[in-house]
N, C-alpha and C. Protein backbone atom coordinates (compact mmCIF):
# COMPACT_ATOMS: atom_id res chain seq x y z
N MET A 1 72.09 -105.16 221.30
CA MET A 1 72.38 -104.83 219.06
C MET A 1 73.49 -105.05 218.47
N PHE A 2 74.53 -106.14 218.38
CA PHE A 2 75.91 -105.57 217.93
C PHE A 2 76.10 -104.87 217.01
N GLU A 3 77.43 -103.65 217.10
CA GLU A 3 77.91 -102.98 215.97
C GLU A 3 78.70 -102.83 215.44
N LEU A 4 79.73 -103.23 214.66
CA LEU A 4 81.26 -102.93 214.49
C LEU A 4 81.43 -101.53 215.40
N HIS A 5 82.03 -101.11 215.28
CA HIS A 5 81.44 -99.75 216.68
C HIS A 5 81.79 -100.55 217.44
N HIS A 6 80.78 -101.10 217.78
CA HIS A 6 81.34 -101.54 219.49
C HIS A 6 81.79 -102.40 219.74
N LEU A 7 82.50 -102.53 219.17
CA LEU A 7 85.22 -103.40 218.81
C LEU A 7 85.92 -102.32 219.04
N SER A 8 87.04 -102.37 220.10
CA SER A 8 87.89 -101.75 219.76
C SER A 8 88.59 -101.92 218.75
N ALA A 9 89.25 -100.70 217.96
CA ALA A 9 90.20 -100.72 217.39
C ALA A 9 91.02 -102.21 216.95
N ASN A 10 91.47 -102.15 218.88
CA ASN A 10 92.04 -103.86 217.89
C ASN A 10 91.75 -104.73 217.59
N GLU A 11 90.00 -104.99 217.58
CA GLU A 11 88.85 -105.81 217.23
C GLU A 11 89.17 -105.82 216.76
N GLN A 12 88.93 -104.23 216.00
CA GLN A 12 88.38 -104.20 214.35
C GLN A 12 89.58 -104.98 213.79
N TRP A 13 90.27 -104.36 213.93
CA TRP A 13 91.95 -104.44 213.85
C TRP A 13 91.97 -106.27 213.39
N ASP A 14 92.29 -107.43 214.40
CA ASP A 14 92.10 -108.64 214.44
C ASP A 14 91.46 -109.42 214.31
N TRP A 15 89.67 -108.38 213.56
CA TRP A 15 88.56 -109.09 212.51
C TRP A 15 88.57 -108.80 211.30
N LEU A 16 89.89 -107.45 210.69
CA LEU A 16 90.00 -107.14 208.71
C LEU A 16 91.36 -108.05 208.91
N HIS A 17 91.55 -108.19 209.88
CA HIS A 17 93.20 -109.30 210.05
C HIS A 17 92.98 -111.57 209.52
N LYS A 18 91.98 -111.24 209.78
CA LYS A 18 91.67 -112.18 210.04
C LYS A 18 90.36 -112.61 208.64
N GLY A 19 90.12 -110.96 208.33
CA GLY A 19 89.63 -111.40 206.78
C GLY A 19 87.23 -111.55 207.05
N GLU A 20 87.63 -111.69 208.08
CA GLU A 20 86.45 -111.42 208.66
C GLU A 20 85.45 -110.27 208.64
N LEU A 21 86.72 -109.24 208.28
CA LEU A 21 85.95 -107.44 207.89
C LEU A 21 86.81 -107.48 207.15
N ASP A 22 85.98 -106.77 206.23
CA ASP A 22 86.81 -106.22 204.89
C ASP A 22 87.25 -104.93 205.20
N PRO A 23 87.68 -103.65 204.77
CA PRO A 23 87.74 -102.38 205.28
C PRO A 23 87.14 -101.42 204.51
N VAL A 24 86.16 -102.29 203.31
CA VAL A 24 85.10 -101.41 202.85
C VAL A 24 83.82 -101.79 203.72
N ASP A 25 83.71 -102.58 204.37
CA ASP A 25 82.35 -103.00 205.01
C ASP A 25 82.86 -101.71 206.17
N LEU A 26 84.25 -101.32 206.63
CA LEU A 26 84.69 -101.32 208.24
C LEU A 26 83.53 -99.04 207.53
N VAL A 27 84.57 -98.44 206.98
CA VAL A 27 84.15 -97.64 205.67
C VAL A 27 82.20 -97.49 206.32
N GLU A 28 82.20 -97.74 205.31
CA GLU A 28 80.47 -97.78 205.28
C GLU A 28 79.96 -97.98 206.30
N HIS A 29 80.16 -99.10 207.92
CA HIS A 29 79.22 -98.68 208.99
C HIS A 29 79.19 -97.10 209.98
N TYR A 30 81.19 -96.32 209.18
CA TYR A 30 81.04 -95.72 210.08
C TYR A 30 80.47 -94.50 208.82
N LEU A 31 80.52 -94.31 207.49
CA LEU A 31 80.24 -93.42 206.75
C LEU A 31 78.37 -93.22 207.25
N ARG A 32 77.97 -94.64 207.10
CA ARG A 32 76.95 -94.29 208.37
C ARG A 32 76.90 -93.95 209.50
N ARG A 33 77.39 -94.13 210.14
CA ARG A 33 77.06 -93.23 211.58
C ARG A 33 77.43 -92.12 211.09
N ILE A 34 78.30 -91.50 210.85
CA ILE A 34 78.48 -89.54 210.51
C ILE A 34 77.34 -89.26 210.14
N GLU A 35 76.09 -90.32 209.28
CA GLU A 35 75.49 -89.21 208.85
C GLU A 35 74.37 -89.14 209.52
N ARG A 36 74.76 -89.95 210.24
CA ARG A 36 73.48 -90.02 211.24
C ARG A 36 73.30 -89.07 212.18
N LEU A 37 74.73 -88.77 213.15
CA LEU A 37 75.19 -88.75 214.54
C LEU A 37 75.61 -86.93 214.21
N ASP A 38 76.46 -87.09 212.85
CA ASP A 38 76.69 -85.64 212.60
C ASP A 38 76.06 -84.68 212.84
N PRO A 39 74.39 -84.79 212.31
CA PRO A 39 74.02 -82.91 212.45
C PRO A 39 73.18 -82.66 213.44
N ASP A 40 73.35 -83.31 214.43
CA ASP A 40 73.81 -83.67 215.70
C ASP A 40 74.67 -82.62 216.66
N LEU A 41 75.65 -83.78 216.24
CA LEU A 41 76.75 -83.33 217.38
C LEU A 41 77.99 -82.66 215.92
N GLY A 42 78.22 -82.13 215.17
CA GLY A 42 78.50 -81.01 214.79
C GLY A 42 80.50 -81.63 214.94
N ALA A 43 80.29 -83.36 214.82
CA ALA A 43 82.11 -82.97 215.07
C ALA A 43 82.62 -83.68 213.91
N PHE A 44 82.13 -82.96 212.95
CA PHE A 44 83.36 -83.32 211.21
C PHE A 44 83.09 -81.90 210.50
N ALA A 45 83.78 -80.94 209.87
CA ALA A 45 84.04 -79.75 208.98
C ALA A 45 83.94 -79.93 208.12
N THR A 46 84.06 -81.76 207.58
CA THR A 46 84.58 -82.30 205.90
C THR A 46 84.94 -83.55 206.18
N VAL A 47 83.55 -84.63 205.76
CA VAL A 47 83.92 -85.87 205.40
C VAL A 47 83.26 -85.64 203.74
N THR A 48 84.14 -86.87 203.08
CA THR A 48 84.36 -86.90 202.18
C THR A 48 84.34 -88.70 201.64
N PRO A 49 82.62 -89.34 201.51
CA PRO A 49 83.39 -90.02 202.01
C PRO A 49 83.36 -90.88 200.66
N GLU A 50 83.15 -90.23 199.29
CA GLU A 50 84.05 -91.56 198.27
C GLU A 50 85.62 -91.20 198.43
N LEU A 51 86.11 -90.33 198.66
CA LEU A 51 87.30 -90.36 198.54
C LEU A 51 88.17 -91.80 200.46
N ALA A 52 86.92 -91.91 200.63
CA ALA A 52 86.94 -92.72 201.91
C ALA A 52 86.42 -94.59 201.01
N LEU A 53 85.74 -94.79 200.59
CA LEU A 53 85.55 -96.02 199.87
C LEU A 53 86.29 -96.04 199.14
N GLU A 54 86.74 -95.29 198.47
CA GLU A 54 87.62 -95.22 197.52
C GLU A 54 88.70 -95.96 197.69
N ARG A 55 89.46 -95.00 198.77
CA ARG A 55 91.05 -95.40 199.64
C ARG A 55 90.54 -97.43 200.38
N ALA A 56 89.26 -97.48 201.21
CA ALA A 56 88.87 -98.55 201.26
C ALA A 56 88.97 -99.20 199.45
N ARG A 57 88.25 -99.42 199.34
CA ARG A 57 88.31 -100.43 197.85
C ARG A 57 90.18 -100.23 197.50
N ALA A 58 91.47 -99.91 197.70
CA ALA A 58 92.16 -99.96 196.16
C ALA A 58 92.75 -100.25 198.29
N LEU A 59 92.64 -100.71 199.25
CA LEU A 59 93.41 -101.32 200.54
C LEU A 59 92.78 -103.30 200.31
N ARG A 60 91.53 -102.91 200.20
CA ARG A 60 90.89 -104.05 199.64
C ARG A 60 91.45 -105.79 198.71
N ASP A 61 91.57 -105.01 197.68
CA ASP A 61 92.06 -104.98 195.80
C ASP A 61 93.55 -105.52 196.87
N ALA A 62 93.89 -104.45 196.67
CA ALA A 62 96.03 -104.69 197.71
C ALA A 62 96.17 -106.16 198.23
N GLY A 63 94.85 -105.92 198.65
CA GLY A 63 95.48 -107.04 199.49
C GLY A 63 96.37 -107.38 201.47
N ILE A 64 95.72 -107.37 202.72
CA ILE A 64 96.04 -107.06 203.53
C ILE A 64 97.79 -106.94 203.75
N GLY A 65 97.56 -105.93 204.48
CA GLY A 65 99.75 -104.63 203.96
C GLY A 65 99.68 -104.74 205.22
N SER A 66 100.50 -104.53 205.45
CA SER A 66 101.88 -104.76 207.09
C SER A 66 102.57 -103.89 207.65
N THR A 67 101.37 -102.59 207.00
CA THR A 67 101.08 -100.98 208.21
C THR A 67 100.38 -101.73 209.49
N ILE A 68 100.57 -100.63 210.20
CA ILE A 68 100.34 -100.86 211.75
C ILE A 68 98.39 -100.85 211.85
N LEU A 69 98.18 -99.79 210.83
CA LEU A 69 96.54 -99.32 210.61
C LEU A 69 96.27 -100.51 210.09
N TRP A 70 96.61 -100.78 208.95
CA TRP A 70 96.14 -101.00 208.14
C TRP A 70 94.35 -101.75 207.58
N GLY A 71 93.96 -101.09 207.08
CA GLY A 71 92.11 -101.00 207.21
C GLY A 71 91.46 -99.99 207.54
N LEU A 72 92.31 -99.79 209.51
CA LEU A 72 91.52 -99.24 209.58
C LEU A 72 90.66 -97.51 210.01
N PRO A 73 89.76 -97.30 208.95
CA PRO A 73 88.94 -96.28 208.88
C PRO A 73 89.45 -94.96 209.48
């Protein structure tokens, strides 16, 4: 089964800039993945879902930006 994390960062960026993917969708995907996997991995000391979603919404609402990593979590 295909999931967004199977895409490389370049592919995710391309999808974002083509409008095939929204920053909020990408952040939500990774937050669900962190929630599912991190209890066993312990890879994150702090996760701030509300702040990540707030930032993703702000990026989405502002439109595609010119920064190199625009929209990538």
